[in-house]
PDB file of N, CA and C in Angstrom:
ATOM      1  N   UNK A   1     -98.554  74.567-103.855  1.00  0.00           N
ATOM      2  CA  UNK A   1     -98.877  73.282-104.608  1.00  0.00           C
ATOM      3  C   UNK A   1     -98.881  71.870-103.594  1.00  0.00           C
ATOM      4  N   UNK A   2     -98.798  72.512-102.308  1.00  0.00           N
ATOM      5  CA  UNK A   2     -99.193  71.354-101.263  1.00  0.00           C
ATOM      6  C   UNK A   2    -100.163  71.069-101.556  1.00  0.00           C
ATOM      7  N   UNK A   3    -100.897  71.645-101.024  1.00  0.00           N
ATOM      8  CA  UNK A   3    -102.905  72.026-100.436  1.00  0.00           C
ATOM      9  C   UNK A   3    -103.137  71.676-101.732  1.00  0.00           C
ATOM     10  N   UNK A   4    -102.825  71.905-102.744  1.00  0.00           N
ATOM     11  CA  UNK A   4    -103.237  71.437-103.914  1.00  0.00           C
ATOM     12  C   UNK A   4    -103.165  69.358-104.068  1.00  0.00           C
ATOM     13  N   UNK A   5    -102.228  68.881-103.700  1.00  0.00           N
ATOM     14  CA  UNK A   5    -102.319  67.535-103.442  1.00  0.00           C
ATOM     15  C   UNK A   5    -102.824  67.307-102.204  1.00  0.00           C
ATOM     16  N   UNK A   6    -102.560  67.567-101.172  1.00  0.00           N
ATOM     17  CA  UNK A   6    -103.441  67.190-100.218  1.00  0.00           C
ATOM     18  C   UNK A   6    -104.676  67.109-100.191  1.00  0.00           C
ATOM     19  N   UNK A   7    -105.576  68.358-101.059  1.00  0.00           N
ATOM     20  CA  UNK A   7    -106.524  68.058-102.005  1.00  0.00           C
ATOM     21  C   UNK A   7    -107.439  68.031-102.537  1.00  0.00           C
ATOM     22  N   UNK A   8    -106.920  66.614-103.596  1.00  0.00           N
ATOM     23  CA  UNK A   8    -106.647  65.949-104.445  1.00  0.00           C
ATOM     24  C   UNK A   8    -106.555  64.742-103.492  1.00  0.00           C
ATOM     25  N   UNK A   9    -105.708  64.604-102.538  1.00  0.00           N
ATOM     26  CA  UNK A   9    -106.191  62.528-102.643  1.00  0.00           C
ATOM     27  C   UNK A   9    -107.209  62.558-100.892  1.00  0.00           C
ATOM     28  N   UNK A  10    -107.847  63.889-100.599  1.00  0.00           N
ATOM     29  CA  UNK A  10    -108.283  63.719 -99.710  1.00  0.00           C
ATOM     30  C   UNK A  10    -109.624  63.624-100.602  1.00  0.00           C
ATOM     31  N   UNK A  11    -110.363  64.038-101.630  1.00  0.00           N
ATOM     32  CA  UNK A  11    -110.721  63.930-102.418  1.00  0.00           C
ATOM     33  C   UNK A  11    -111.125  62.295-103.203  1.00  0.00           C
ATOM     34  N   UNK A  12    -110.069  61.968-103.646  1.00  0.00           N
ATOM     35  CA  UNK A  12    -109.793  60.154-103.990  1.00  0.00           C
ATOM     36  C   UNK A  12    -110.384  59.496-102.521  1.00  0.00           C
ATOM     37  N   UNK A  13    -109.889  59.857-101.147  1.00  0.00           N
ATOM     38  CA  UNK A  13    -110.198  58.825-100.420  1.00  0.00           C
ATOM     39  C   UNK A  13    -111.311  59.208-100.220  1.00  0.00           C
ATOM     40  N   UNK A  14    -112.713  60.670-100.634  1.00  0.00           N
ATOM     41  CA  UNK A  14    -114.115  61.086-100.243  1.00  0.00           C
ATOM     42  C   UNK A  14    -114.791  59.807-100.927  1.00  0.00           C
ATOM     43  N   UNK A  15    -113.635  59.839-102.203  1.00  0.00           N
ATOM     44  CA  UNK A  15    -114.588  59.023-103.270  1.00  0.00           C
ATOM     45  C   UNK A  15    -114.579  57.332-103.188  1.00  0.00           C
ATOM     46  N   UNK A  16    -113.324  56.643-102.560  1.00  0.00           N
ATOM     47  CA  UNK A  16    -112.946  55.703-102.461  1.00  0.00           C
ATOM     48  C   UNK A  16    -113.671  54.455-101.155  1.00  0.00           C
ATOM     49  N   UNK A  17    -115.231  55.778-100.670  1.00  0.00           N
ATOM     50  CA  UNK A  17    -115.789  55.263-100.331  1.00  0.00           C
ATOM     51  C   UNK A  17    -117.405  54.461-100.898  1.00  0.00           C
ATOM     52  N   UNK A  18    -117.675  53.332-100.649  1.00  0.00           N
ATOM     53  CA  UNK A  18    -118.369  52.601-100.757  1.00  0.00           C
ATOM     54  C   UNK A  18    -119.975  52.819-100.690  1.00  0.00           C
ATOM     55  N   UNK A  19    -120.412  53.053-101.152  1.00  0.00           N
ATOM     56  CA  UNK A  19    -122.202  53.129-100.764  1.00  0.00           C
ATOM     57  C   UNK A  19    -123.103  51.456-100.099  1.00  0.00           C
ATOM     58  N   UNK A  20    -122.143  50.574-101.046  1.00  0.00           N
ATOM     59  CA  UNK A  20    -122.653  49.162-100.635  1.00  0.00           C
ATOM     60  C   UNK A  20    -123.403  48.653 -99.404  1.00  0.00           C
ATOM     61  N   UNK A  21    -124.471  48.190 -98.399  1.00  0.00           N
ATOM     62  CA  UNK A  21    -124.670  47.895 -97.546  1.00  0.00           C
ATOM     63  C   UNK A  21    -123.601  47.374 -96.636  1.00  0.00           C
ATOM     64  N   UNK A  22    -123.483  47.601 -95.456  1.00  0.00           N
ATOM     65  CA  UNK A  22    -122.460  46.407 -95.132  1.00  0.00           C
ATOM     66  C   UNK A  22    -122.502  44.763 -95.235  1.00  0.00           C
ATOM     67  N   UNK A  23    -122.040  44.387 -94.937  1.00  0.00           N
ATOM     68  CA  UNK A  23    -122.299  42.214 -95.420  1.00  0.00           C
ATOM     69  C   UNK A  23    -123.479  42.230 -94.682  1.00  0.00           C
ATOM     70  N   UNK A  24    -124.426  41.520 -94.958  1.00  0.00           N
ATOM     71  CA  UNK A  24    -125.467  40.009 -93.478  1.00  0.00           C
ATOM     72  C   UNK A  24    -124.739  39.001 -93.048  1.00  0.00           C
ATOM     73  N   UNK A  25    -125.138  39.536 -91.848  1.00  0.00           N
ATOM     74  CA  UNK A  25    -124.499  38.760 -90.636  1.00  0.00           C
ATOM     75  C   UNK A  25    -125.501  37.252 -90.994  1.00  0.00           C
ATOM     76  N   UNK A  26    -124.745  36.457 -90.970  1.00  0.00           N
ATOM     77  CA  UNK A  26    -125.428  35.081 -90.722  1.00  0.00           C
ATOM     78  C   UNK A  26    -125.718  34.752 -89.040  1.00  0.00           C
ATOM     79  N   UNK A  27    -126.702  35.169 -88.856  1.00  0.00           N
ATOM     80  CA  UNK A  27    -126.629  34.916 -87.081  1.00  0.00           C
ATOM     81  C   UNK A  27    -127.832  33.331 -87.234  1.00  0.00           C
ATOM     82  N   UNK A  28    -127.731  32.573 -86.119  1.00  0.00           N
ATOM     83  CA  UNK A  28    -128.559  31.882 -86.614  1.00  0.00           C
ATOM     84  C   UNK A  28    -130.568  31.881 -86.483  1.00  0.00           C
ATOM     85  N   UNK A  29    -131.184  30.981 -87.198  1.00  0.00           N
ATOM     86  CA  UNK A  29    -132.826  30.645 -86.600  1.00  0.00           C
ATOM     87  C   UNK A  29    -133.064  30.829 -85.823  1.00  0.00           C
ATOM     88  N   UNK A  30    -134.498  32.597 -85.690  1.00  0.00           N
ATOM     89  CA  UNK A  30    -134.775  32.205 -83.764  1.00  0.00           C
ATOM     90  C   UNK A  30    -135.536  30.356 -83.527  1.00  0.00           C
ATOM     91  N   UNK A  31    -135.824  30.371 -84.964  1.00  0.00           N
ATOM     92  CA  UNK A  31    -136.718  28.790 -84.501  1.00  0.00           C
ATOM     93  C   UNK A  31    -135.710  27.844 -85.421  1.00  0.00           C
ATOM     94  N   UNK A  32    -134.933  27.076 -84.776  1.00  0.00           N
ATOM     95  CA  UNK A  32    -134.529  25.974 -85.507  1.00  0.00           C
ATOM     96  C   UNK A  32    -135.422  24.922 -85.732  1.00  0.00           C
ATOM     97  N   UNK A  33    -134.530  24.336 -87.316  1.00  0.00           N
ATOM     98  CA  UNK A  33    -136.079  23.219 -87.648  1.00  0.00           C
ATOM     99  C   UNK A  33    -136.376  22.746 -86.879  1.00  0.00           C
ATOM    100  N   UNK A  34    -135.931  21.893 -86.060  1.00  0.00           N
ATOM    101  CA  UNK A  34    -136.298  21.176 -84.552  1.00  0.00           C
ATOM    102  C   UNK A  34    -137.439  21.167 -84.609  1.00  0.00           C
ATOM    103  N   UNK A  35    -136.792  22.377 -83.534  1.00  0.00           N
ATOM    104  CA  UNK A  35    -138.218  22.742 -82.914  1.00  0.00           C
ATOM    105  C   UNK A  35    -139.184  23.409 -83.544  1.00  0.00           C
ATOM    106  N   UNK A  36    -139.604  23.619 -84.681  1.00  0.00           N
ATOM    107  CA  UNK A  36    -140.325  24.001 -85.850  1.00  0.00           C
ATOM    108  C   UNK A  36    -141.572  22.572 -85.846  1.00  0.00           C
ATOM    109  N   UNK A  37    -140.836  21.485 -86.280  1.00  0.00           N
ATOM    110  CA  UNK A  37    -141.174  20.203 -86.088  1.00  0.00           C
ATOM    111  C   UNK A  37    -141.549  19.858 -84.566  1.00  0.00           C
ATOM    112  N   UNK A  38    -140.869  20.001 -83.457  1.00  0.00           N
ATOM    113  CA  UNK A  38    -141.662  19.255 -82.439  1.00  0.00           C
ATOM    114  C   UNK A  38    -143.270  20.504 -81.929  1.00  0.00           C
ATOM    115  N   UNK A  39    -142.673  21.679 -82.687  1.00  0.00           N
ATOM    116  CA  UNK A  39    -143.920  22.637 -82.290  1.00  0.00           C
ATOM    117  C   UNK A  39    -144.862  22.506 -83.748  1.00  0.00           C
ATOM    118  N   UNK A  40    -145.076  22.159 -84.488  1.00  0.00           N
ATOM    119  CA  UNK A  40    -146.048  20.943 -85.262  1.00  0.00           C
ATOM    120  C   UNK A  40    -146.400  19.699 -84.634  1.00  0.00           C
ATOM    121  N   UNK A  41    -145.799  19.227 -84.775  1.00  0.00           N
ATOM    122  CA  UNK A  41    -146.144  17.549 -83.415  1.00  0.00           C
ATOM    123  C   UNK A  41    -147.660  18.034 -82.250  1.00  0.00           C
ATOM    124  N   UNK A  42    -146.582  19.125 -82.000  1.00  0.00           N
ATOM    125  CA  UNK A  42    -147.215  18.894 -80.422  1.00  0.00           C
ATOM    126  C   UNK A  42    -148.835  19.512 -80.569  1.00  0.00           C
ATOM    127  N   UNK A  43    -149.009  20.340 -81.762  1.00  0.00           N
ATOM    128  CA  UNK A  43    -150.279  21.086 -81.852  1.00  0.00           C
ATOM    129  C   UNK A  43    -150.933  20.101 -82.406  1.00  0.00           C
ATOM    130  N   UNK A  44    -151.110  19.584 -83.689  1.00  0.00           N
ATOM    131  CA  UNK A  44    -151.387  18.897 -84.564  1.00  0.00           C
ATOM    132  C   UNK A  44    -151.941  17.058 -83.399  1.00  0.00           C
ATOM    133  N   UNK A  45    -151.052  16.926 -82.151  1.00  0.00           N
ATOM    134  CA  UNK A  45    -152.008  16.131 -81.379  1.00  0.00           C
ATOM    135  C   UNK A  45    -152.667  16.836 -80.318  1.00  0.00           C
ATOM    136  N   UNK A  46    -152.666  18.144 -79.941  1.00  0.00           N
ATOM    137  CA  UNK A  46    -153.907  18.564 -79.566  1.00  0.00           C
ATOM    138  C   UNK A  46    -155.445  18.971 -80.311  1.00  0.00           C
ATOM    139  N   UNK A  47    -154.994  18.656 -80.941  1.00  0.00           N
ATOM    140  CA  UNK A  47    -156.219  19.753 -82.509  1.00  0.00           C
ATOM    141  C   UNK A  47    -156.698  17.787 -82.572  1.00  0.00           C
ATOM    142  N   UNK A  48    -156.124  16.957 -83.130  1.00  0.00           N
ATOM    143  CA  UNK A  48    -156.435  15.388 -83.023  1.00  0.00           C
ATOM    144  C   UNK A  48    -157.222  15.033 -81.582  1.00  0.00           C
ATOM    145  N   UNK A  49    -156.045  15.635 -80.438  1.00  0.00           N
ATOM    146  CA  UNK A  49    -156.985  14.755 -79.299  1.00  0.00           C
ATOM    147  C   UNK A  49    -158.453  15.733 -78.712  1.00  0.00           C
ATOM    148  N   UNK A  50    -158.935  16.502 -78.876  1.00  0.00           N
ATOM    149  CA  UNK A  50    -159.613  18.055 -78.321  1.00  0.00           C
ATOM    150  C   UNK A  50    -160.814  17.681 -79.112  1.00  0.00           C
ATOM    151  N   UNK A  51    -160.407  17.884 -80.788  1.00  0.00           N
ATOM    152  CA  UNK A  51    -161.675  17.390 -81.371  1.00  0.00           C
ATOM    153  C   UNK A  51    -162.006  15.470 -81.671  1.00  0.00           C
ATOM    154  N   UNK A  52    -161.552  14.576 -81.024  1.00  0.00           N
ATOM    155  CA  UNK A  52    -161.809  13.722 -80.698  1.00  0.00           C
ATOM    156  C   UNK A  52    -162.420  13.387 -79.667  1.00  0.00           C
ATOM    157  N   UNK A  53    -161.958  14.141 -78.963  1.00  0.00           N
ATOM    158  CA  UNK A  53    -162.802  14.363 -77.629  1.00  0.00           C
ATOM    159  C   UNK A  53    -164.194  15.219 -77.606  1.00  0.00           C
ATOM    160  N   UNK A  54    -164.166  15.914 -78.372  1.00  0.00           N
ATOM    161  CA  UNK A  54    -165.754  16.739 -78.677  1.00  0.00           C
ATOM    162  C   UNK A  54    -166.419  15.853 -79.593  1.00  0.00           C
ATOM    163  N   UNK A  55    -166.479  15.117 -79.516  1.00  0.00           N
ATOM    164  CA  UNK A  55    -167.434  13.829 -80.037  1.00  0.00           C
ATOM    165  C   UNK A  55    -167.986  13.178 -78.929  1.00  0.00           C
ATOM    166  N   UNK A  56    -167.415  12.931 -77.960  1.00  0.00           N
ATOM    167  CA  UNK A  56    -168.330  12.188 -76.622  1.00  0.00           C
ATOM    168  C   UNK A  56    -168.704  13.220 -75.583  1.00  0.00           C
ATOM    169  N   UNK A  57    -167.142  14.896 -75.632  1.00  0.00           N
ATOM    170  CA  UNK A  57    -167.650  15.899 -74.351  1.00  0.00           C
ATOM    171  C   UNK A  57    -168.663  16.438 -74.948  1.00  0.00           C
ATOM    172  N   UNK A  58    -169.436  17.007 -75.171  1.00  0.00           N
ATOM    173  CA  UNK A  58    -170.118  17.894 -75.427  1.00  0.00           C
ATOM    174  C   UNK A  58    -168.947  19.552 -74.728  1.00  0.00           C
ATOM    175  N   UNK A  59    -168.652  20.213 -74.398  1.00  0.00           N
ATOM    176  CA  UNK A  59    -168.388  21.258 -73.415  1.00  0.00           C
ATOM    177  C   UNK A  59    -167.107  21.439 -74.334  1.00  0.00           C
ATOM    178  N   UNK A  60    -166.401  19.998 -75.247  1.00  0.00           N
ATOM    179  CA  UNK A  60    -165.670  20.675 -75.916  1.00  0.00           C
ATOM    180  C   UNK A  60    -165.200  20.926 -77.365  1.00  0.00           C
ATOM    181  N   UNK A  61    -167.051  21.267 -77.335  1.00  0.00           N
ATOM    182  CA  UNK A  61    -167.079  20.967 -78.985  1.00  0.00           C
ATOM    183  C   UNK A  61    -165.688  22.901 -79.767  1.00  0.00           C
ATOM    184  N   UNK A  62    -166.613  23.634 -78.515  1.00  0.00           N
ATOM    185  CA  UNK A  62    -166.036  24.859 -78.645  1.00  0.00           C
ATOM    186  C   UNK A  62    -163.710  25.020 -78.667  1.00  0.00           C
ATOM    187  N   UNK A  63    -163.871  24.323 -77.576  1.00  0.00           N
ATOM    188  CA  UNK A  63    -162.248  24.237 -78.293  1.00  0.00           C
ATOM    189  C   UNK A  63    -161.773  23.034 -79.111  1.00  0.00           C
ATOM    190  N   UNK A  64    -162.830  22.289 -79.748  1.00  0.00           N
ATOM    191  CA  UNK A  64    -162.285  21.965 -80.904  1.00  0.00           C
ATOM    192  C   UNK A  64    -161.983  22.823 -82.167  1.00  0.00           C
ATOM    193  N   UNK A  65    -163.383  23.753 -82.079  1.00  0.00           N
ATOM    194  CA  UNK A  65    -163.022  25.147 -83.108  1.00  0.00           C
ATOM    195  C   UNK A  65    -162.242  26.070 -83.570  1.00  0.00           C
ATOM    196  N   UNK A  66    -162.120  26.352 -81.997  1.00  0.00           N
ATOM    197  CA  UNK A  66    -161.232  27.247 -81.407  1.00  0.00           C
ATOM    198  C   UNK A  66    -159.296  26.631 -82.205  1.00  0.00           C
ATOM    199  N   UNK A  67    -158.752  25.677 -82.062  1.00  0.00           N
ATOM    200  CA  UNK A  67    -157.772  24.900 -82.275  1.00  0.00           C
ATOM    201  C   UNK A  67    -157.212  24.991 -83.548  1.00  0.00           C
ATOM    202  N   UNK A  68    -158.691  24.592 -84.263  1.00  0.00           N
ATOM    203  CA  UNK A  68    -158.722  24.764 -85.978  1.00  0.00           C
ATOM    204  C   UNK A  68    -157.494  25.720 -86.344  1.00  0.00           C
ATOM    205  N   UNK A  69    -157.313  27.484 -85.572  1.00  0.00           N
ATOM    206  CA  UNK A  69    -156.944  28.482 -86.423  1.00  0.00           C
ATOM    207  C   UNK A  69    -155.034  27.950 -85.883  1.00  0.00           C
ATOM    208  N   UNK A  70    -155.229  27.223 -84.530  1.00  0.00           N
ATOM    209  CA  UNK A  70    -153.655  27.196 -84.245  1.00  0.00           C
ATOM    210  C   UNK A  70    -152.858  27.603 -85.001  1.00  0.00           C
ATOM    211  N   UNK A  71    -153.163  26.019 -86.320  1.00  0.00           N
ATOM    212  CA  UNK A  71    -151.499  25.756 -87.342  1.00  0.00           C
ATOM    213  C   UNK A  71    -151.544  27.589 -88.458  1.00  0.00           C
ATOM    214  N   UNK A  72    -151.981  27.768 -88.385  1.00  0.00           N
ATOM    215  CA  UNK A  72    -152.293  29.526 -89.221  1.00  0.00           C
ATOM    216  C   UNK A  72    -151.440  30.273 -87.965  1.00  0.00           C
ATOM    217  N   UNK A  73    -151.713  30.515 -86.555  1.00  0.00           N
ATOM    218  CA  UNK A  73    -151.739  32.018 -85.823  1.00  0.00           C
ATOM    219  C   UNK A  73    -149.907  30.908 -86.288  1.00  0.00           C
ATOM    220  N   UNK A  74    -149.364  29.671 -85.004  1.00  0.00           N
ATOM    221  CA  UNK A  74    -148.359  29.930 -85.551  1.00  0.00           C
ATOM    222  C   UNK A  74    -147.525  29.485 -86.931  1.00  0.00           C
ATOM    223  N   UNK A  75    -148.290  29.306 -88.055  1.00  0.00           N
ATOM    224  CA  UNK A  75    -147.859  30.650 -89.735  1.00  0.00           C
ATOM    225  C   UNK A  75    -147.250  31.070 -89.333  1.00  0.00           C
ATOM    226  N   UNK A  76    -148.292  32.014 -89.535  1.00  0.00           N
ATOM    227  CA  UNK A  76    -148.165  33.178 -89.617  1.00  0.00           C
ATOM    228  C   UNK A  76    -146.377  33.673 -88.313  1.00  0.00           C
ATOM    229  N   UNK A  77    -146.546  33.798 -86.929  1.00  0.00           N
ATOM    230  CA  UNK A  77    -145.714  33.860 -86.818  1.00  0.00           C
ATOM    231  C   UNK A  77    -144.075  33.347 -86.536  1.00  0.00           C
ATOM    232  N   UNK A  78    -144.073  32.315 -87.534  1.00  0.00           N
ATOM    233  CA  UNK A  78    -143.001  31.232 -87.674  1.00  0.00           C
ATOM    234  C   UNK A  78    -142.233  32.491 -88.956  1.00  0.00           C
ATOM    235  N   UNK A  79    -143.420  32.197 -89.667  1.00  0.00           N
ATOM    236  CA  UNK A  79    -142.643  33.567 -91.395  1.00  0.00           C
ATOM    237  C   UNK A  79    -141.825  35.133 -90.703  1.00  0.00           C
ATOM    238  N   UNK A  80    -143.044  35.589 -89.795  1.00  0.00           N
ATOM    239  CA  UNK A  80    -142.449  36.609 -89.236  1.00  0.00           C
ATOM    240  C   UNK A  80    -140.713  36.680 -89.154  1.00  0.00           C
ATOM    241  N   UNK A  81    -140.795  35.145 -87.738  1.00  0.00           N
ATOM    242  CA  UNK A  81    -139.043  35.093 -87.155  1.00  0.00           C
ATOM    243  C   UNK A  81    -138.435  34.971 -87.539  1.00  0.00           C
ATOM    244  N   UNK A  82    -138.587  34.217 -88.865  1.00  0.00           N
ATOM    245  CA  UNK A  82    -138.185  33.685 -89.878  1.00  0.00           C
ATOM    246  C   UNK A  82    -137.432  35.197 -90.984  1.00  0.00           C
ATOM    247  N   UNK A  83    -138.135  35.532 -91.516  1.00  0.00           N
ATOM    248  CA  UNK A  83    -138.399  37.690 -92.117  1.00  0.00           C
ATOM    249  C   UNK A  83    -137.276  37.972 -91.852  1.00  0.00           C
ATOM    250  N   UNK A  84    -135.976  38.326 -92.563  1.00  0.00           N
ATOM    251  CA  UNK A  84    -134.843  38.570 -93.104  1.00  0.00           C
ATOM    252  C   UNK A  84    -135.349  40.382 -92.962  1.00  0.00           C
ATOM    253  N   UNK A  85    -136.325  40.868 -93.146  1.00  0.00           N
ATOM    254  CA  UNK A  85    -136.433  41.970 -93.255  1.00  0.00           C
ATOM    255  C   UNK A  85    -137.662  42.611 -92.036  1.00  0.00           C
ATOM    256  N   UNK A  86    -137.635  41.683 -91.478  1.00  0.00           N
ATOM    257  CA  UNK A  86    -138.505  41.828 -90.022  1.00  0.00           C
ATOM    258  C   UNK A  86    -137.341  42.584 -89.205  1.00  0.00           C
ATOM    259  N   UNK A  87    -137.758  43.782 -88.522  1.00  0.00           N
ATOM    260  CA  UNK A  87    -137.598  44.375 -86.992  1.00  0.00           C
ATOM    261  C   UNK A  87    -136.944  43.149 -86.262  1.00  0.00           C
ATOM    262  N   UNK A  88    -135.254  43.230 -86.378  1.00  0.00           N
ATOM    263  CA  UNK A  88    -134.908  42.358 -85.046  1.00  0.00           C
ATOM    264  C   UNK A  88    -136.188  42.185 -83.567  1.00  0.00           C
ATOM    265  N   UNK A  89    -136.656  43.013 -83.320  1.00  0.00           N
ATOM    266  CA  UNK A  89    -137.771  42.708 -82.291  1.00  0.00           C
ATOM    267  C   UNK A  89    -139.071  42.154 -82.326  1.00  0.00           C
ATOM    268  N   UNK A  90    -139.396  42.812 -83.380  1.00  0.00           N
ATOM    269  CA  UNK A  90    -140.189  42.029 -83.623  1.00  0.00           C
ATOM    270  C   UNK A  90    -140.468  40.354 -84.301  1.00  0.00           C
ATOM    271  N   UNK A  91    -139.064  40.378 -84.795  1.00  0.00           N
ATOM    272  CA  UNK A  91    -138.956  38.811 -85.216  1.00  0.00           C
ATOM    273  C   UNK A  91    -139.269  37.786 -83.843  1.00  0.00           C
ATOM    274  N   UNK A  92    -137.992  38.364 -82.127  1.00  0.00           N
ATOM    275  CA  UNK A  92    -138.326  38.505 -81.410  1.00  0.00           C
ATOM    276  C   UNK A  92    -139.528  37.391 -80.649  1.00  0.00           C
ATOM    277  N   UNK A  93    -140.142  38.603 -80.846  1.00  0.00           N
ATOM    278  CA  UNK A  93    -141.419  38.129 -80.311  1.00  0.00           C
ATOM    279  C   UNK A  93    -142.455  37.668 -80.997  1.00  0.00           C
ATOM    280  N   UNK A  94    -142.325  37.203 -82.735  1.00  0.00           N
ATOM    281  CA  UNK A  94    -142.565  36.610 -82.720  1.00  0.00           C
ATOM    282  C   UNK A  94    -142.120  34.817 -82.407  1.00  0.00           C
ATOM    283  N   UNK A  95    -141.076  34.932 -82.842  1.00  0.00           N
ATOM    284  CA  UNK A  95    -140.396  32.942 -82.118  1.00  0.00           C
ATOM    285  C   UNK A  95    -141.364  32.940 -80.497  1.00  0.00           C
ATOM    286  N   UNK A  96    -141.770  33.946 -79.770  1.00  0.00           N
ATOM    287  CA  UNK A  96    -141.690  33.815 -78.369  1.00  0.00           C
ATOM    288  C   UNK A  96    -143.819  33.467 -78.667  1.00  0.00           C
ATOM    289  N   UNK A  97    -144.252  33.724 -79.431  1.00  0.00           N
ATOM    290  CA  UNK A  97    -145.250  34.110 -79.583  1.00  0.00           C
ATOM    291  C   UNK A  97    -144.852  32.364 -79.814  1.00  0.00           C
ATOM    292  N   UNK A  98    -144.250  32.174 -81.428  1.00  0.00           N
ATOM    293  CA  UNK A  98    -144.627  30.208 -81.162  1.00  0.00           C
ATOM    294  C   UNK A  98    -144.614  29.533 -80.259  1.00  0.00           C
ATOM    295  N   UNK A  99    -143.342  29.840 -79.214  1.00  0.00           N
ATOM    296  CA  UNK A  99    -143.484  28.898 -77.496  1.00  0.00           C
ATOM    297  C   UNK A  99    -144.031  28.933 -77.460  1.00  0.00           C
ATOM    298  N   UNK A 100    -144.870  30.182 -76.837  1.00  0.00           N
ATOM    299  CA  UNK A 100    -146.206  30.313 -76.024  1.00  0.00           C
ATOM    300  C   UNK A 100    -147.779  29.590 -76.465  1.00  0.00           C
ATOM    301  N   UNK A 101    -147.681  29.527 -77.337  1.00  0.00           N
ATOM    302  CA  UNK A 101    -148.589  28.434 -78.572  1.00  0.00           C
ATOM    303  C   UNK A 101    -148.254  27.022 -78.359  1.00  0.00           C
ATOM    304  N   UNK A 102    -147.107  26.718 -78.702  1.00  0.00           N
ATOM    305  CA  UNK A 102    -146.859  25.211 -78.175  1.00  0.00           C
ATOM    306  C   UNK A 102    -146.781  24.914 -76.940  1.00  0.00           C
ATOM    307  N   UNK A 103    -146.358  25.815 -76.292  1.00  0.00           N
ATOM    308  CA  UNK A 103    -146.761  25.516 -74.585  1.00  0.00           C
ATOM    309  C   UNK A 103    -147.675  25.365 -74.538  1.00  0.00           C
ATOM    310  N   UNK A 104    -149.118  25.552 -74.775  1.00  0.00           N
ATOM    311  CA  UNK A 104    -150.207  25.661 -74.969  1.00  0.00           C
ATOM    312  C   UNK A 104    -150.786  25.374 -75.380  1.00  0.00           C
ATOM    313  N   UNK A 105    -151.048  25.106 -76.455  1.00  0.00           N
ATOM    314  CA  UNK A 105    -150.798  23.161 -77.075  1.00  0.00           C
ATOM    315  C   UNK A 105    -149.904  21.325 -75.521  1.00  0.00           C
ATOM    316  N   UNK A 106    -149.154  21.804 -75.438  1.00  0.00           N
ATOM    317  CA  UNK A 106    -148.802  20.901 -74.647  1.00  0.00           C
ATOM    318  C   UNK A 106    -149.732  21.137 -72.883  1.00  0.00           C
ATOM    319  N   UNK A 107    -149.631  22.128 -72.984  1.00  0.00           N
ATOM    320  CA  UNK A 107    -150.705  21.657 -71.317  1.00  0.00           C
ATOM    321  C   UNK A 107    -152.085  21.518 -71.574  1.00  0.00           C
ATOM    322  N   UNK A 108    -152.207  21.549 -72.892  1.00  0.00           N
ATOM    323  CA  UNK A 108    -154.159  21.941 -72.694  1.00  0.00           C
ATOM    324  C   UNK A 108    -154.043  19.802 -73.340  1.00  0.00           C
ATOM    325  N   UNK A 109    -152.844  18.928 -74.706  1.00  0.00           N
ATOM    326  CA  UNK A 109    -153.419  18.538 -74.315  1.00  0.00           C
ATOM    327  C   UNK A 109    -153.304  17.248 -72.735  1.00  0.00           C
ATOM    328  N   UNK A 110    -152.473  17.331 -71.571  1.00  0.00           N
ATOM    329  CA  UNK A 110    -152.219  16.541 -70.725  1.00  0.00           C
ATOM    330  C   UNK A 110    -153.194  16.993 -69.895  1.00  0.00           C
ATOM    331  N   UNK A 111    -154.140  18.496 -69.795  1.00  0.00           N
ATOM    332  CA  UNK A 111    -154.980  18.670 -69.074  1.00  0.00           C
ATOM    333  C   UNK A 111    -156.556  18.068 -69.952  1.00  0.00           C
ATOM    334  N   UNK A 112    -156.284  17.312 -71.246  1.00  0.00           N
ATOM    335  CA  UNK A 112    -157.783  16.698 -71.644  1.00  0.00           C
ATOM    336  C   UNK A 112    -158.387  15.274 -70.612  1.00  0.00           C
ATOM    337  N   UNK A 113    -157.263  14.647 -70.165  1.00  0.00           N
ATOM    338  CA  UNK A 113    -157.263  13.122 -69.737  1.00  0.00           C
ATOM    339  C   UNK A 113    -158.276  13.997 -68.345  1.00  0.00           C
ATOM    340  N   UNK A 114    -158.066  15.070 -67.648  1.00  0.00           N
ATOM    341  CA  UNK A 114    -158.502  15.954 -66.139  1.00  0.00           C
ATOM    342  C   UNK A 114    -160.299  16.340 -66.724  1.00  0.00           C
ATOM    343  N   UNK A 115    -160.368  16.464 -68.213  1.00  0.00           N
ATOM    344  CA  UNK A 115    -161.978  17.049 -68.319  1.00  0.00           C
ATOM    345  C   UNK A 115    -162.264  15.904 -68.968  1.00  0.00           C
ATOM    346  N   UNK A 116    -162.425  15.095 -68.933  1.00  0.00           N
ATOM    347  CA  UNK A 116    -162.956  13.642 -69.130  1.00  0.00           C
ATOM    348  C   UNK A 116    -162.892  13.165 -70.926  1.00  0.00           C
ATOM    349  N   UNK A 117    -161.839  13.751 -71.234  1.00  0.00           N
ATOM    350  CA  UNK A 117    -161.449  13.083 -72.742  1.00  0.00           C
ATOM    351  C   UNK A 117    -161.164  11.502 -72.695  1.00  0.00           C
ATOM    352  N   UNK A 118    -160.919  10.516 -73.054  1.00  0.00           N
ATOM    353  CA  UNK A 118    -159.628   9.186 -73.145  1.00  0.00           C
ATOM    354  C   UNK A 118    -158.682   9.552 -73.442  1.00  0.00           C
TER     355      UNK A 118
END
């Protein structure tokens, strides 16, 4: 009888386990809103300046055309970084991609004055 009681106790414990997924942790965003605003501002400024420069410096026409893809590249990476279903490593790499693109925008904006742009 004692074994039967232990068996029933084990069965109750086994059945009481929940198959619900563990609670989702509130993790800080990989790309905070303030950083995203600065990113958009920096790259928008670069696009405007390089395209304005392309009107007077023919060598900058290709840079202007290529720069128009920057907002789309940032948007794709930013959506991946913010996607809760994304693999953590992929999300971190996407956030790094946004930061690298923004750094390039800032560096290229600063370099424009040395390339004959007003």
